[in-house]
């Protein structure tokens, strides 16, 4: 009994050998900036009130080369109790992505929705570790649906683009 090998397959390439398929690769990810402030230590460790936690984030994307883009995720966390600020953390976490043959209309959705989704778990870990190392319980941020946020922001931009600029 002989093994049969299926040799029917299709190769998707051009006759000249050029590869025109869209490609995106994560090159590197890194902490670009990290700041932890504990302005009321050591008194804040004796406070009885739970601080209110405020979390803000922002996404940025920059072209750093012909086929290389940097996506940055800025996360700011501030814990404030009635007695004052317990801690404040700012993290700028970034990643380099290589992109080749990606349609222009797909670059922005990737950079502002998919790329942040890919790097968020790593930024979240860095943030939790920094807060824990500052003497507080680690803050575990819930996952963020960057795709839904991107679509919501795109709809808002579309809506405001159709409205008159102001009244005369």
C-alpha atoms as a PDB file:
ATOM      1  CA  UNK A   1       0.000   0.000   0.000  1.00  0.00           C
ATOM      2  CA  UNK A   2       1.636   3.219  -1.127  1.00  0.00           C
ATOM      3  CA  UNK A   3       1.064   6.657   0.372  1.00  0.00           C
ATOM      4  CA  UNK A   4      -0.508   9.058  -2.067  1.00  0.00           C
ATOM      5  CA  UNK A   5       0.687  12.635  -2.140  1.00  0.00           C
ATOM      6  CA  UNK A   6      -1.583  15.382  -3.435  1.00  0.00           C
ATOM      7  CA  UNK A   7       0.489  17.578  -5.723  1.00  0.00           C
ATOM      8  CA  UNK A   8      -2.369  19.852  -6.761  1.00  0.00           C
ATOM      9  CA  UNK A   9      -1.709  23.228  -5.184  1.00  0.00           C
ATOM     10  CA  UNK A  10      -1.767  26.811  -6.341  1.00  0.00           C
ATOM     11  CA  UNK A  11       0.945  29.354  -5.730  1.00  0.00           C
ATOM     12  CA  UNK A  12      -0.233  32.950  -5.591  1.00  0.00           C
ATOM     13  CA  UNK A  13       2.649  34.890  -7.079  1.00  0.00           C
ATOM     14  CA  UNK A  14       3.304  37.033 -10.085  1.00  0.00           C
ATOM     15  CA  UNK A  15       5.165  35.736 -13.114  1.00  0.00           C
ATOM     16  CA  UNK A  16       8.169  37.940 -12.301  1.00  0.00           C
ATOM     17  CA  UNK A  17       8.397  36.555  -8.762  1.00  0.00           C
ATOM     18  CA  UNK A  18       7.224  39.775  -7.088  1.00  0.00           C
ATOM     19  CA  UNK A  19       5.264  39.249  -3.901  1.00  0.00           C
ATOM     20  CA  UNK A  20       2.256  41.571  -3.942  1.00  0.00           C
ATOM     21  CA  UNK A  21       0.259  40.073  -1.085  1.00  0.00           C
ATOM     22  CA  UNK A  22      -0.481  42.448   1.819  1.00  0.00           C
ATOM     23  CA  UNK A  23       1.838  41.848   4.772  1.00  0.00           C
ATOM     24  CA  UNK A  24       1.921  43.270   8.285  1.00  0.00           C
ATOM     25  CA  UNK A  25       4.427  42.226  10.918  1.00  0.00           C
ATOM     26  CA  UNK A  26       5.112  43.286  14.474  1.00  0.00           C
ATOM     27  CA  UNK A  27       8.781  44.254  14.549  1.00  0.00           C
ATOM     28  CA  UNK A  28       9.224  45.320  18.176  1.00  0.00           C
ATOM     29  CA  UNK A  29       7.317  46.663  21.153  1.00  0.00           C
ATOM     30  CA  UNK A  30       8.700  48.748  23.986  1.00  0.00           C
ATOM     31  CA  UNK A  31       8.104  51.133  26.867  1.00  0.00           C
ATOM     32  CA  UNK A  32       8.724  54.586  25.455  1.00  0.00           C
ATOM     33  CA  UNK A  33       7.986  56.491  28.667  1.00  0.00           C
ATOM     34  CA  UNK A  34       6.894  55.461  32.151  1.00  0.00           C
ATOM     35  CA  UNK A  35       6.229  57.766  35.089  1.00  0.00           C
ATOM     36  CA  UNK A  36       4.989  56.740  38.535  1.00  0.00           C
ATOM     37  CA  UNK A  37       4.264  59.351  41.194  1.00  0.00           C
ATOM     38  CA  UNK A  38       3.389  58.674  44.803  1.00  0.00           C
ATOM     39  CA  UNK A  39       3.067  62.245  46.149  1.00  0.00           C
ATOM     40  CA  UNK A  40       1.555  61.403  49.543  1.00  0.00           C
ATOM     41  CA  UNK A  41       3.732  58.499  50.637  1.00  0.00           C
ATOM     42  CA  UNK A  42       3.899  57.185  53.297  1.00  0.00           C
ATOM     43  CA  UNK A  43       0.613  58.691  54.554  1.00  0.00           C
ATOM     44  CA  UNK A  44      -1.409  57.271  51.646  1.00  0.00           C
ATOM     45  CA  UNK A  45      -0.758  53.706  52.848  1.00  0.00           C
ATOM     46  CA  UNK A  46      -2.702  54.463  56.018  1.00  0.00           C
ATOM     47  CA  UNK A  47      -5.778  56.002  54.376  1.00  0.00           C
ATOM     48  CA  UNK A  48      -8.992  54.120  55.031  1.00  0.00           C
ATOM     49  CA  UNK A  49     -10.932  55.446  52.027  1.00  0.00           C
ATOM     50  CA  UNK A  50     -10.732  53.659  48.700  1.00  0.00           C
ATOM     51  CA  UNK A  51      -9.386  56.007  46.037  1.00  0.00           C
ATOM     52  CA  UNK A  52     -11.347  56.771  42.897  1.00  0.00           C
ATOM     53  CA  UNK A  53      -9.455  55.448  39.871  1.00  0.00           C
ATOM     54  CA  UNK A  54      -9.527  57.516  36.670  1.00  0.00           C
ATOM     55  CA  UNK A  55      -8.126  55.886  33.521  1.00  0.00           C
ATOM     56  CA  UNK A  56      -7.527  57.778  30.273  1.00  0.00           C
ATOM     57  CA  UNK A  57      -5.958  56.465  27.105  1.00  0.00           C
ATOM     58  CA  UNK A  58      -4.961  57.779  23.720  1.00  0.00           C
ATOM     59  CA  UNK A  59      -3.711  56.111  20.542  1.00  0.00           C
ATOM     60  CA  UNK A  60      -1.153  57.601  18.201  1.00  0.00           C
ATOM     61  CA  UNK A  61       0.347  56.391  14.941  1.00  0.00           C
ATOM     62  CA  UNK A  62       3.360  57.776  13.093  1.00  0.00           C
ATOM     63  CA  UNK A  63       5.174  56.755   9.953  1.00  0.00           C
ATOM     64  CA  UNK A  64       8.853  56.230  10.840  1.00  0.00           C
ATOM     65  CA  UNK A  65      10.057  54.713   7.554  1.00  0.00           C
ATOM     66  CA  UNK A  66       8.920  53.706   4.088  1.00  0.00           C
ATOM     67  CA  UNK A  67       7.267  50.526   5.307  1.00  0.00           C
ATOM     68  CA  UNK A  68       7.477  51.007   9.074  1.00  0.00           C
ATOM     69  CA  UNK A  69       4.888  52.607  11.349  1.00  0.00           C
ATOM     70  CA  UNK A  70       4.914  53.210  15.086  1.00  0.00           C
ATOM     71  CA  UNK A  71       1.734  52.822  17.106  1.00  0.00           C
ATOM     72  CA  UNK A  72       1.735  54.250  20.616  1.00  0.00           C
ATOM     73  CA  UNK A  73      -0.740  53.659  23.389  1.00  0.00           C
ATOM     74  CA  UNK A  74      -0.730  56.286  26.135  1.00  0.00           C
ATOM     75  CA  UNK A  75      -2.414  55.257  29.361  1.00  0.00           C
ATOM     76  CA  UNK A  76      -2.832  57.646  32.292  1.00  0.00           C
ATOM     77  CA  UNK A  77      -4.116  56.413  35.644  1.00  0.00           C
ATOM     78  CA  UNK A  78      -4.788  58.585  38.675  1.00  0.00           C
ATOM     79  CA  UNK A  79      -5.991  57.331  42.062  1.00  0.00           C
ATOM     80  CA  UNK A  80      -7.517  60.080  44.196  1.00  0.00           C
ATOM     81  CA  UNK A  81      -8.928  59.720  47.721  1.00  0.00           C
ATOM     82  CA  UNK A  82     -10.525  62.486  49.820  1.00  0.00           C
ATOM     83  CA  UNK A  83      -7.143  62.988  51.509  1.00  0.00           C
ATOM     84  CA  UNK A  84      -5.312  63.537  48.205  1.00  0.00           C
ATOM     85  CA  UNK A  85      -3.664  61.705  45.324  1.00  0.00           C
ATOM     86  CA  UNK A  86      -2.557  58.177  46.146  1.00  0.00           C
ATOM     87  CA  UNK A  87      -0.689  57.649  42.877  1.00  0.00           C
ATOM     88  CA  UNK A  88      -0.481  58.830  39.285  1.00  0.00           C
ATOM     89  CA  UNK A  89       0.960  56.752  36.449  1.00  0.00           C
ATOM     90  CA  UNK A  90       1.637  57.658  32.833  1.00  0.00           C
ATOM     91  CA  UNK A  91       2.701  54.962  30.397  1.00  0.00           C
ATOM     92  CA  UNK A  92       3.572  55.443  26.745  1.00  0.00           C
ATOM     93  CA  UNK A  93       3.852  51.981  25.246  1.00  0.00           C
ATOM     94  CA  UNK A  94       4.709  51.649  21.568  1.00  0.00           C
ATOM     95  CA  UNK A  95       5.272  49.095  18.838  1.00  0.00           C
ATOM     96  CA  UNK A  96       6.818  49.122  15.384  1.00  0.00           C
ATOM     97  CA  UNK A  97       4.897  47.476  12.571  1.00  0.00           C
ATOM     98  CA  UNK A  98       6.210  46.672   9.137  1.00  0.00           C
ATOM     99  CA  UNK A  99       3.616  47.046   6.375  1.00  0.00           C
ATOM    100  CA  UNK A 100       3.944  46.096   2.739  1.00  0.00           C
ATOM    101  CA  UNK A 101       1.338  46.107  -0.027  1.00  0.00           C
ATOM    102  CA  UNK A 102      -1.484  47.091   2.346  1.00  0.00           C
ATOM    103  CA  UNK A 103      -4.281  49.039   0.635  1.00  0.00           C
ATOM    104  CA  UNK A 104      -4.249  52.671   1.769  1.00  0.00           C
ATOM    105  CA  UNK A 105      -7.829  52.492   3.066  1.00  0.00           C
ATOM    106  CA  UNK A 106      -6.832  49.620   5.402  1.00  0.00           C
ATOM    107  CA  UNK A 107      -3.803  51.287   7.031  1.00  0.00           C
ATOM    108  CA  UNK A 108      -5.691  53.615   9.378  1.00  0.00           C
ATOM    109  CA  UNK A 109      -8.150  50.964  10.664  1.00  0.00           C
ATOM    110  CA  UNK A 110      -5.242  48.650  11.384  1.00  0.00           C
ATOM    111  CA  UNK A 111      -3.142  51.294  13.113  1.00  0.00           C
ATOM    112  CA  UNK A 112      -5.966  52.682  15.273  1.00  0.00           C
ATOM    113  CA  UNK A 113      -7.944  49.501  16.008  1.00  0.00           C
ATOM    114  CA  UNK A 114      -6.035  46.264  15.457  1.00  0.00           C
ATOM    115  CA  UNK A 115      -2.511  47.347  16.456  1.00  0.00           C
ATOM    116  CA  UNK A 116      -3.622  48.753  19.852  1.00  0.00           C
ATOM    117  CA  UNK A 117      -5.550  45.521  20.453  1.00  0.00           C
ATOM    118  CA  UNK A 118      -2.349  43.554  19.869  1.00  0.00           C
ATOM    119  CA  UNK A 119      -0.147  45.610  22.205  1.00  0.00           C
ATOM    120  CA  UNK A 120      -2.680  46.426  24.956  1.00  0.00           C
ATOM    121  CA  UNK A 121      -2.121  43.236  27.014  1.00  0.00           C
ATOM    122  CA  UNK A 122       1.588  44.027  27.267  1.00  0.00           C
ATOM    123  CA  UNK A 123       0.962  47.668  28.208  1.00  0.00           C
ATOM    124  CA  UNK A 124      -1.581  46.518  30.783  1.00  0.00           C
ATOM    125  CA  UNK A 125       1.009  44.225  32.390  1.00  0.00           C
ATOM    126  CA  UNK A 126       3.639  47.010  32.549  1.00  0.00           C
ATOM    127  CA  UNK A 127       1.074  49.318  34.162  1.00  0.00           C
ATOM    128  CA  UNK A 128      -0.042  46.692  36.708  1.00  0.00           C
ATOM    129  CA  UNK A 129       3.576  45.930  37.623  1.00  0.00           C
ATOM    130  CA  UNK A 130       4.431  49.638  38.078  1.00  0.00           C
ATOM    131  CA  UNK A 131       1.448  50.175  40.381  1.00  0.00           C
ATOM    132  CA  UNK A 132       2.241  47.019  42.351  1.00  0.00           C
ATOM    133  CA  UNK A 133       5.899  48.049  42.644  1.00  0.00           C
ATOM    134  CA  UNK A 134       4.663  51.405  44.014  1.00  0.00           C
ATOM    135  CA  UNK A 135       3.129  49.568  46.976  1.00  0.00           C
ATOM    136  CA  UNK A 136      -0.478  49.375  45.774  1.00  0.00           C
ATOM    137  CA  UNK A 137      -2.587  46.437  44.601  1.00  0.00           C
ATOM    138  CA  UNK A 138      -1.988  45.902  40.865  1.00  0.00           C
ATOM    139  CA  UNK A 139      -4.585  47.549  38.644  1.00  0.00           C
ATOM    140  CA  UNK A 140      -5.903  45.065  36.091  1.00  0.00           C
ATOM    141  CA  UNK A 141      -7.593  47.012  33.337  1.00  0.00           C
ATOM    142  CA  UNK A 142     -10.492  45.380  31.541  1.00  0.00           C
ATOM    143  CA  UNK A 143      -9.932  44.569  27.870  1.00  0.00           C
ATOM    144  CA  UNK A 144     -10.790  47.441  25.543  1.00  0.00           C
ATOM    145  CA  UNK A 145     -12.658  46.950  22.268  1.00  0.00           C
ATOM    146  CA  UNK A 146     -10.479  49.180  20.100  1.00  0.00           C
ATOM    147  CA  UNK A 147     -12.376  48.142  16.956  1.00  0.00           C
ATOM    148  CA  UNK A 148     -15.690  49.396  18.344  1.00  0.00           C
ATOM    149  CA  UNK A 149     -14.041  52.610  19.558  1.00  0.00           C
ATOM    150  CA  UNK A 150     -12.528  53.183  16.114  1.00  0.00           C
ATOM    151  CA  UNK A 151     -15.908  52.670  14.410  1.00  0.00           C
ATOM    152  CA  UNK A 152     -17.611  54.976  16.914  1.00  0.00           C
ATOM    153  CA  UNK A 153     -15.021  57.693  16.337  1.00  0.00           C
ATOM    154  CA  UNK A 154     -15.255  57.273  12.552  1.00  0.00           C
ATOM    155  CA  UNK A 155     -19.051  57.687  12.743  1.00  0.00           C
ATOM    156  CA  UNK A 156     -18.663  60.830  14.857  1.00  0.00           C
ATOM    157  CA  UNK A 157     -16.194  62.267  12.330  1.00  0.00           C
ATOM    158  CA  UNK A 158     -18.623  61.456   9.512  1.00  0.00           C
ATOM    159  CA  UNK A 159     -21.505  63.125  11.360  1.00  0.00           C
ATOM    160  CA  UNK A 160     -19.589  66.295  12.198  1.00  0.00           C
ATOM    161  CA  UNK A 161     -18.248  66.534   8.642  1.00  0.00           C
ATOM    162  CA  UNK A 162     -21.801  66.795   7.345  1.00  0.00           C
ATOM    163  CA  UNK A 163     -22.833  69.579   9.740  1.00  0.00           C
ATOM    164  CA  UNK A 164     -22.382  73.280   9.024  1.00  0.00           C
ATOM    165  CA  UNK A 165     -19.236  74.798  10.565  1.00  0.00           C
ATOM    166  CA  UNK A 166     -21.076  77.538  12.459  1.00  0.00           C
ATOM    167  CA  UNK A 167     -23.643  80.270  12.292  1.00  0.00           C
ATOM    168  CA  UNK A 168     -23.003  83.668  10.766  1.00  0.00           C
END
